[in-house]
C-alpha atoms as a PDB file:
ATOM      1  CA  MET A   1       0.000   0.000   0.000  1.00  0.00           C
ATOM      2  CA  ARG A   2       1.115   3.540  -0.657  1.00  0.00           C
ATOM      3  CA  TYR A   3       0.237   6.498   1.537  1.00  0.00           C
ATOM      4  CA  GLU A   4      -1.304   8.970  -0.906  1.00  0.00           C
ATOM      5  CA  SER A   5      -0.814  12.130   1.179  1.00  0.00           C
ATOM      6  CA  ILE A   6       2.948  11.759   1.613  1.00  0.00           C
ATOM      7  CA  PHE A   7       3.405  15.414   0.644  1.00  0.00           C
ATOM      8  CA  THR A   8       1.813  16.459   3.967  1.00  0.00           C
ATOM      9  CA  LEU A   9       4.295  14.331   5.908  1.00  0.00           C
ATOM     10  CA  GLU A  10       7.179  15.696   3.838  1.00  0.00           C
ATOM     11  CA  ALA A  11       6.013  19.269   4.462  1.00  0.00           C
ATOM     12  CA  PHE A  12       5.858  18.560   8.202  1.00  0.00           C
ATOM     13  CA  LEU A  13       9.319  16.965   8.057  1.00  0.00           C
ATOM     14  CA  THR A  14      10.712  20.088   6.379  1.00  0.00           C
ATOM     15  CA  GLU A  15       9.078  22.304   9.006  1.00  0.00           C
ATOM     16  CA  VAL A  16      10.657  20.256  11.817  1.00  0.00           C
ATOM     17  CA  GLU A  17      14.018  20.242  10.007  1.00  0.00           C
ATOM     18  CA  THR A  18      13.964  24.029   9.644  1.00  0.00           C
ATOM     19  CA  GLN A  19      13.212  24.468  13.341  1.00  0.00           C
ATOM     20  CA  LEU A  20      15.963  22.082  14.420  1.00  0.00           C
ATOM     21  CA  LEU A  21      18.606  23.582  12.121  1.00  0.00           C
ATOM     22  CA  SER A  22      17.885  27.173  13.127  1.00  0.00           C
ATOM     23  CA  ALA A  23      20.767  28.563  15.180  1.00  0.00           C
ATOM     24  CA  SER A  24      18.257  30.575  17.210  1.00  0.00           C
ATOM     25  CA  ASN A  25      16.757  27.330  18.577  1.00  0.00           C
ATOM     26  CA  ARG A  26      20.051  25.888  19.804  1.00  0.00           C
ATOM     27  CA  HIS A  27      21.215  25.700  23.399  1.00  0.00           C
ATOM     28  CA  ARG A  28      24.930  25.685  24.143  1.00  0.00           C
ATOM     29  CA  LEU A  29      26.109  23.298  26.827  1.00  0.00           C
ATOM     30  CA  LYS A  30      28.596  24.519  29.437  1.00  0.00           C
ATOM     31  CA  TYR A  31      31.832  22.563  29.771  1.00  0.00           C
ATOM     32  CA  PRO A  32      34.281  24.442  32.001  1.00  0.00           C
ATOM     33  CA  GLN A  33      37.752  22.971  31.481  1.00  0.00           C
ATOM     34  CA  SER A  34      38.129  22.420  35.223  1.00  0.00           C
ATOM     35  CA  ALA A  35      35.240  19.921  35.052  1.00  0.00           C
ATOM     36  CA  VAL A  36      36.262  18.334  31.752  1.00  0.00           C
ATOM     37  CA  GLN A  37      39.732  17.145  32.696  1.00  0.00           C
ATOM     38  CA  PRO A  38      39.120  15.053  34.726  1.00  0.00           C
ATOM     39  CA  TRP A  39      35.502  14.492  33.684  1.00  0.00           C
ATOM     40  CA  ASN A  40      33.111  15.534  36.459  1.00  0.00           C
ATOM     41  CA  ALA A  41      29.687  14.325  35.251  1.00  0.00           C
ATOM     42  CA  ASP A  42      27.749  15.454  38.321  1.00  0.00           C
ATOM     43  CA  PHE A  43      29.183  18.989  38.240  1.00  0.00           C
ATOM     44  CA  LEU A  44      28.560  19.275  34.480  1.00  0.00           C
ATOM     45  CA  ALA A  45      24.942  18.114  34.859  1.00  0.00           C
ATOM     46  CA  LYS A  46      24.374  20.713  37.587  1.00  0.00           C
ATOM     47  CA  GLU A  47      26.077  23.382  35.466  1.00  0.00           C
ATOM     48  CA  ASN A  48      23.623  22.570  32.648  1.00  0.00           C
ATOM     49  CA  GLU A  49      20.491  22.106  34.762  1.00  0.00           C
ATOM     50  CA  ALA A  50      18.617  24.801  32.818  1.00  0.00           C
ATOM     51  CA  VAL A  51      18.975  22.849  29.551  1.00  0.00           C
ATOM     52  CA  LEU A  52      18.034  19.560  31.223  1.00  0.00           C
ATOM     53  CA  THR A  53      14.955  21.176  32.750  1.00  0.00           C
ATOM     54  CA  ALA A  54      13.948  22.757  29.426  1.00  0.00           C
ATOM     55  CA  VAL A  55      14.281  19.487  27.523  1.00  0.00           C
ATOM     56  CA  ALA A  56      12.400  17.436  30.131  1.00  0.00           C
ATOM     57  CA  GLN A  57       8.964  16.269  28.988  1.00  0.00           C
ATOM     58  CA  THR A  58       9.291  18.235  25.713  1.00  0.00           C
ATOM     59  CA  ALA A  59      11.941  16.931  23.354  1.00  0.00           C
ATOM     60  CA  ASN A  60      11.397  13.848  21.310  1.00  0.00           C
ATOM     61  CA  VAL A  61      13.512  14.619  18.215  1.00  0.00           C
ATOM     62  CA  TYR A  62      16.798  16.441  18.625  1.00  0.00           C
ATOM     63  CA  MET A  63      20.026  17.410  16.888  1.00  0.00           C
ATOM     64  CA  LEU A  64      23.496  17.730  18.370  1.00  0.00           C
ATOM     65  CA  PHE A  65      25.973  20.220  16.919  1.00  0.00           C
ATOM     66  CA  SER A  66      29.668  20.777  17.606  1.00  0.00           C
ATOM     67  CA  ALA A  67      32.245  23.439  16.816  1.00  0.00           C
ATOM     68  CA  GLU A  68      35.995  23.279  17.091  1.00  0.00           C
ATOM     69  CA  SER A  69      37.830  25.356  19.673  1.00  0.00           C
ATOM     70  CA  CYS A  70      37.955  29.090  18.881  1.00  0.00           C
ATOM     71  CA  THR A  71      35.182  28.970  16.278  1.00  0.00           C
ATOM     72  CA  ASP A  72      31.434  29.378  16.333  1.00  0.00           C
ATOM     73  CA  ASP A  73      30.875  27.346  13.160  1.00  0.00           C
ATOM     74  CA  HIS A  74      28.716  24.539  14.572  1.00  0.00           C
ATOM     75  CA  LYS A  75      28.209  21.477  12.405  1.00  0.00           C
ATOM     76  CA  LEU A  76      25.408  18.954  12.650  1.00  0.00           C
ATOM     77  CA  ARG A  77      26.808  15.779  14.201  1.00  0.00           C
ATOM     78  CA  TYR A  78      23.881  13.670  15.416  1.00  0.00           C
ATOM     79  CA  ILE A  79      20.116  13.271  14.998  1.00  0.00           C
ATOM     80  CA  GLY A  80      18.232  11.366  17.662  1.00  0.00           C
ATOM     81  CA  LYS A  81      14.861  10.636  19.150  1.00  0.00           C
ATOM     82  CA  THR A  82      13.432   9.792  22.535  1.00  0.00           C
ATOM     83  CA  THR A  83      10.089   9.702  24.227  1.00  0.00           C
ATOM     84  CA  LYS A  84       9.103  12.914  25.975  1.00  0.00           C
ATOM     85  CA  LYS A  85       8.952  10.937  29.200  1.00  0.00           C
ATOM     86  CA  LEU A  86      12.626   9.923  28.926  1.00  0.00           C
ATOM     87  CA  ALA A  87      14.003  13.076  27.264  1.00  0.00           C
ATOM     88  CA  ARG A  88      15.870  14.466  30.266  1.00  0.00           C
ATOM     89  CA  GLU A  89      17.675  11.175  30.956  1.00  0.00           C
ATOM     90  CA  ARG A  90      18.484  10.590  27.283  1.00  0.00           C
ATOM     91  CA  ILE A  91      20.058  14.030  26.902  1.00  0.00           C
ATOM     92  CA  ARG A  92      21.914  13.561  30.189  1.00  0.00           C
ATOM     93  CA  ASN A  93      23.339  10.303  28.761  1.00  0.00           C
ATOM     94  CA  HIS A  94      24.622  12.116  25.672  1.00  0.00           C
ATOM     95  CA  PHE A  95      26.248  15.008  27.482  1.00  0.00           C
ATOM     96  CA  PHE A  96      27.294  14.028  31.002  1.00  0.00           C
ATOM     97  CA  LYS A  97      26.963  10.485  32.289  1.00  0.00           C
ATOM     98  CA  LYS A  98      26.162   7.415  30.238  1.00  0.00           C
ATOM     99  CA  ASN A  99      24.335   4.288  31.214  1.00  0.00           C
ATOM    100  CA  GLU A 100      26.343   1.501  29.587  1.00  0.00           C
ATOM    101  CA  ARG A 101      23.220   0.092  27.887  1.00  0.00           C
ATOM    102  CA  THR A 102      22.564   3.236  25.838  1.00  0.00           C
ATOM    103  CA  GLY A 103      23.900   4.204  22.455  1.00  0.00           C
ATOM    104  CA  SER A 104      24.640   7.727  23.627  1.00  0.00           C
ATOM    105  CA  LYS A 105      27.253  10.003  22.110  1.00  0.00           C
ATOM    106  CA  LEU A 106      29.015  10.699  25.396  1.00  0.00           C
ATOM    107  CA  ALA A 107      32.399   9.405  24.177  1.00  0.00           C
ATOM    108  CA  GLU A 108      32.293  11.796  21.224  1.00  0.00           C
ATOM    109  CA  VAL A 109      31.217  14.688  23.470  1.00  0.00           C
ATOM    110  CA  VAL A 110      33.983  13.979  26.019  1.00  0.00           C
ATOM    111  CA  GLU A 111      36.649  13.811  23.304  1.00  0.00           C
ATOM    112  CA  HIS A 112      35.374  16.969  21.626  1.00  0.00           C
ATOM    113  CA  THR A 113      35.065  19.078  24.793  1.00  0.00           C
ATOM    114  CA  CYS A 114      38.440  17.911  26.134  1.00  0.00           C
ATOM    115  CA  LEU A 115      39.917  19.483  23.002  1.00  0.00           C
ATOM    116  CA  GLY A 116      38.134  22.751  23.839  1.00  0.00           C
ATOM    117  CA  GLY A 117      35.253  22.349  21.400  1.00  0.00           C
ATOM    118  CA  THR A 118      31.676  23.429  22.058  1.00  0.00           C
ATOM    119  CA  VAL A 119      28.440  21.478  21.819  1.00  0.00           C
ATOM    120  CA  GLU A 120      24.880  22.642  21.185  1.00  0.00           C
ATOM    121  CA  ILE A 121      21.483  20.946  21.114  1.00  0.00           C
ATOM    122  CA  ALA A 122      18.192  21.784  19.420  1.00  0.00           C
ATOM    123  CA  TRP A 123      14.980  19.855  19.918  1.00  0.00           C
ATOM    124  CA  ALA A 124      11.388  19.683  18.760  1.00  0.00           C
ATOM    125  CA  THR A 125       8.234  18.213  20.169  1.00  0.00           C
ATOM    126  CA  ILE A 126       6.496  15.975  17.634  1.00  0.00           C
ATOM    127  CA  GLU A 127       2.770  15.267  17.927  1.00  0.00           C
ATOM    128  CA  PRO A 128       1.669  12.560  17.693  1.00  0.00           C
ATOM    129  CA  GLU A 129       4.774  11.266  19.412  1.00  0.00           C
ATOM    130  CA  SER A 130       4.808   8.111  17.276  1.00  0.00           C
ATOM    131  CA  LEU A 131       5.857  10.269  14.293  1.00  0.00           C
ATOM    132  CA  ARG A 132       9.261  10.822  15.944  1.00  0.00           C
ATOM    133  CA  ASN A 133      10.494   7.560  14.393  1.00  0.00           C
ATOM    134  CA  PHE A 134       9.635   8.711  10.861  1.00  0.00           C
ATOM    135  CA  ILE A 135      11.064  12.192  11.454  1.00  0.00           C
ATOM    136  CA  GLU A 136      14.359  10.895  12.865  1.00  0.00           C
ATOM    137  CA  GLU A 137      14.873   8.331  10.103  1.00  0.00           C
ATOM    138  CA  GLU A 138      14.112  10.789   7.310  1.00  0.00           C
ATOM    139  CA  LEU A 139      16.330  13.497   8.816  1.00  0.00           C
ATOM    140  CA  ILE A 140      19.223  11.042   9.061  1.00  0.00           C
ATOM    141  CA  HIS A 141      18.777  10.258   5.350  1.00  0.00           C
ATOM    142  CA  ARG A 142      18.658  13.975   4.502  1.00  0.00           C
ATOM    143  CA  HIS A 143      21.787  14.747   6.521  1.00  0.00           C
ATOM    144  CA  PRO A 144      24.629  12.300   5.832  1.00  0.00           C
ATOM    145  CA  GLU A 145      27.002  14.864   7.370  1.00  0.00           C
ATOM    146  CA  ALA A 146      25.621  13.902  10.808  1.00  0.00           C
ATOM    147  CA  ASP A 147      28.603  11.603  11.252  1.00  0.00           C
ATOM    148  CA  TRP A 148      27.917  10.586  14.859  1.00  0.00           C
ATOM    149  CA  ASN A 149      24.873   8.621  13.603  1.00  0.00           C
ATOM    150  CA  ARG A 150      25.896   5.008  13.031  1.00  0.00           C
ATOM    151  CA  GLU A 151      23.873   4.893   9.777  1.00  0.00           C
ATOM    152  CA  ASN A 152      25.948   7.733   8.360  1.00  0.00           C
ATOM    153  CA  LYS A 153      29.241   6.349   9.708  1.00  0.00           C
ATOM    154  CA  ALA A 154      28.550   3.095   7.874  1.00  0.00           C
ATOM    155  CA  ALA A 155      27.685   4.939   4.650  1.00  0.00           C
ATOM    156  CA  LEU A 156      30.872   7.033   4.917  1.00  0.00           C
ATOM    157  CA  ARG A 157      32.952   3.865   5.396  1.00  0.00           C
ATOM    158  CA  ARG A 158      31.319   2.229   2.336  1.00  0.00           C
ATOM    159  CA  THR A 159      31.943   5.355   0.258  1.00  0.00           C
ATOM    160  CA  ALA A 160      35.580   5.552   1.359  1.00  0.00           C
ATOM    161  CA  LYS A 161      36.077   1.834   0.696  1.00  0.00           C
ATOM    162  CA  SER A 162      34.543   1.969  -2.793  1.00  0.00           C
ATOM    163  CA  GLY A 163      36.635   5.067  -3.562  1.00  0.00           C
ATOM    164  CA  SER A 164      39.822   3.245  -2.586  1.00  0.00           C
ATOM    165  CA  ASN A 165      38.915   0.296  -4.857  1.00  0.00           C
ATOM    166  CA  LYS A 166      39.009   2.436  -7.988  1.00  0.00           C
END
């Protein structure tokens, strides 16, 4: 079967994408060097309580951005989803302290911030919440530059491998 009104979903997807990519909707995380080396997850979570509170019970699709030290040129690195109910914990796992069972991006964030880089997050609330799966998957396909997503890492490896075979 084919959904005949796909254009309405695609229009909604583009609206969400525009909101998430807008620099005005991003929140910069605070990573004071004194708490980064050595990593002090509890201090960093407290330092960023305002972001954790804002994301709680609201975010269900989000984007993570990073910029190198001494620049404000943030690049899209990761697209993710969560339930609104678990949003605060999911974002906490990405940025401060990871539960070993999650696929969070904490290792990438730690490495990046230890080098003096900055990290930002943008999020959107999707209603109905079940659409978050569609939105996340389609955004990942639209943004292969989001290289912290495993789907895009795999595609980049295949591209590099096929390029080296020529």
